[in-house]
Amino acid sequence: MARVIAARAAAHPDAVALVLRGERVSYRALESRATRWARALRAAGVRPGATVGLALDRSIEAIVALLAMLGGGATALAMDKTITVTVDGKDRVVHMFGGDVASMVPAAAIAHLHRAARSA
């Protein structure tokens, strides 16, 4: 899916890719935002093959995050954003599948990604 969006962005960068609640996002903007999310996910330790919890409301940001995860080779797992667990005394958003506690992304990293996407 990420390759399809990238190809569309190259061919028609200013065409409307998404419309949600009156907000329009071009293919160029969608790809740019997804690339920023992908970099931040990699910086947070997400690697190809990882399962990443997607804990966002239905929004353009959620679609951007999904594209970033898929483009980076990760699997997205839709989650209730209120679910957290405590590991080593720190709250972390669950981003695991099958109980792999070592592969969690800190809640602060998810919050940062969400803020970055909203400001884009």
Protein backbone atom coordinates (compact mmCIF):
# COMPACT_ATOMS: atom_id res chain seq x y z
CA MET A 1 0.00 0.00 0.00
CA ALA A 2 2.82 2.43 0.84
CA ARG A 3 4.37 1.85 -2.60
CA VAL A 4 1.04 2.59 -4.29
CA ILE A 5 0.74 5.89 -2.37
CA ALA A 6 4.37 6.79 -3.23
CA ALA A 7 3.74 6.11 -6.92
CA ARG A 8 0.55 8.16 -6.85
CA ALA A 9 2.37 10.99 -5.06
CA ALA A 10 5.05 10.99 -7.74
CA ALA A 11 2.51 11.02 -10.57
CA HIS A 12 -0.08 13.38 -9.04
CA PRO A 13 1.44 15.10 -6.00
CA ASP A 14 -1.25 17.75 -5.61
CA ALA A 15 -4.23 15.46 -6.12
CA VAL A 16 -6.44 14.92 -3.08
CA ALA A 17 -5.56 11.65 -1.34
CA LEU A 18 -7.75 11.91 1.77
CA VAL A 19 -10.79 13.85 2.90
CA LEU A 20 -11.99 13.57 6.48
CA ARG A 21 -14.37 15.95 8.23
CA GLY A 22 -13.63 18.63 5.65
CA GLU A 23 -9.83 18.31 5.87
CA ARG A 24 -8.15 17.54 2.56
CA VAL A 25 -4.68 16.04 2.26
CA SER A 26 -2.75 15.80 -0.99
CA TYR A 27 -0.69 12.77 -1.97
CA ARG A 28 2.48 14.85 -1.50
CA ALA A 29 1.46 15.84 2.04
CA LEU A 30 0.34 12.30 2.87
CA GLU A 31 3.65 10.81 1.77
CA SER A 32 5.63 13.54 3.56
CA ARG A 33 3.75 13.02 6.83
CA ALA A 34 4.07 9.23 6.59
CA THR A 35 7.81 9.58 6.00
CA ARG A 36 8.16 11.73 9.15
CA TRP A 37 6.19 9.15 11.16
CA ALA A 38 8.33 6.32 9.73
CA ARG A 39 11.55 8.07 10.79
CA ALA A 40 10.18 8.68 14.28
CA LEU A 41 9.05 5.06 14.56
CA ARG A 42 12.53 3.85 13.56
CA ALA A 43 14.05 6.23 16.12
CA ALA A 44 11.71 4.72 18.74
CA GLY A 45 13.07 1.25 17.92
CA VAL A 46 10.43 -0.07 15.52
CA ARG A 47 12.03 -2.42 12.98
CA PRO A 48 10.68 -4.39 10.01
CA GLY A 49 8.64 -7.33 11.21
CA ALA A 50 7.55 -5.59 14.43
CA THR A 51 3.91 -5.43 15.45
CA VAL A 52 2.98 -1.87 16.39
CA GLY A 53 -0.16 -0.90 18.26
CA LEU A 54 -2.10 1.87 16.53
CA ALA A 55 -3.76 3.73 19.39
CA LEU A 56 -5.26 6.78 17.71
CA ASP A 57 -8.80 7.96 17.07
CA ARG A 58 -10.15 7.58 13.55
CA SER A 59 -8.33 10.41 11.87
CA ILE A 60 -5.99 11.41 9.10
CA GLU A 61 -3.15 10.95 11.62
CA ALA A 62 -4.20 7.32 12.07
CA ILE A 63 -4.05 6.74 8.31
CA VAL A 64 -0.65 8.47 8.15
CA ALA A 65 0.62 6.29 11.01
CA LEU A 66 -0.71 3.14 9.34
CA LEU A 67 1.09 4.02 6.09
CA ALA A 68 4.30 4.73 8.00
CA MET A 69 4.13 1.37 9.78
CA LEU A 70 3.37 -0.58 6.64
CA GLY A 71 6.01 1.32 4.65
CA GLY A 72 8.57 0.44 7.31
CA GLY A 73 7.68 -3.24 7.15
CA ALA A 74 5.82 -3.32 10.47
CA THR A 75 2.39 -4.77 11.15
CA ALA A 76 -0.26 -2.46 12.61
CA LEU A 77 -2.48 -3.69 15.43
CA ALA A 78 -5.51 -1.47 16.13
CA MET A 79 -5.81 -0.82 19.86
CA ASP A 80 -7.84 1.11 22.39
CA LYS A 81 -5.63 4.11 23.13
CA THR A 82 -6.50 3.98 26.81
CA ILE A 83 -4.76 0.61 27.31
CA THR A 84 -1.36 0.87 28.98
CA VAL A 85 0.84 -1.47 30.93
CA THR A 86 3.56 -0.78 33.46
CA VAL A 87 7.03 -2.17 32.78
CA ASP A 88 9.92 -1.36 35.09
CA GLY A 89 7.80 1.32 36.75
CA LYS A 90 7.07 3.14 33.47
CA ASP A 91 3.75 3.29 31.65
CA ARG A 92 4.10 2.14 28.05
CA VAL A 93 1.58 1.89 25.25
CA VAL A 94 1.25 -1.76 24.37
CA HIS A 95 2.80 -2.37 20.94
CA MET A 96 3.20 -6.06 21.12
CA PHE A 97 1.69 -9.24 19.92
CA GLY A 98 2.11 -12.46 21.82
CA GLY A 99 3.40 -10.92 25.06
CA ASP A 100 6.80 -9.64 23.91
CA VAL A 101 7.29 -6.95 26.59
CA ALA A 102 10.75 -6.09 25.23
CA SER A 103 9.24 -4.71 22.02
CA MET A 104 7.10 -1.93 23.49
CA VAL A 105 7.30 1.68 22.39
CA PRO A 106 7.28 4.21 25.25
CA ALA A 107 4.01 6.14 25.56
CA ALA A 108 5.99 9.39 25.35
CA ALA A 109 7.26 8.38 21.88
CA ILE A 110 3.72 7.68 20.67
CA ALA A 111 2.52 11.01 22.10
CA HIS A 112 5.41 12.78 20.34
CA LEU A 113 4.57 11.10 17.03
CA HIS A 114 0.94 12.10 17.41
CA ARG A 115 1.85 15.75 18.09
CA ALA A 116 4.28 15.80 15.16
CA ALA A 117 1.65 14.45 12.79
CA ARG A 118 -0.96 16.94 13.96
CA SER A 119 1.40 19.89 13.44
CA ALA A 120 2.31 18.80 9.92
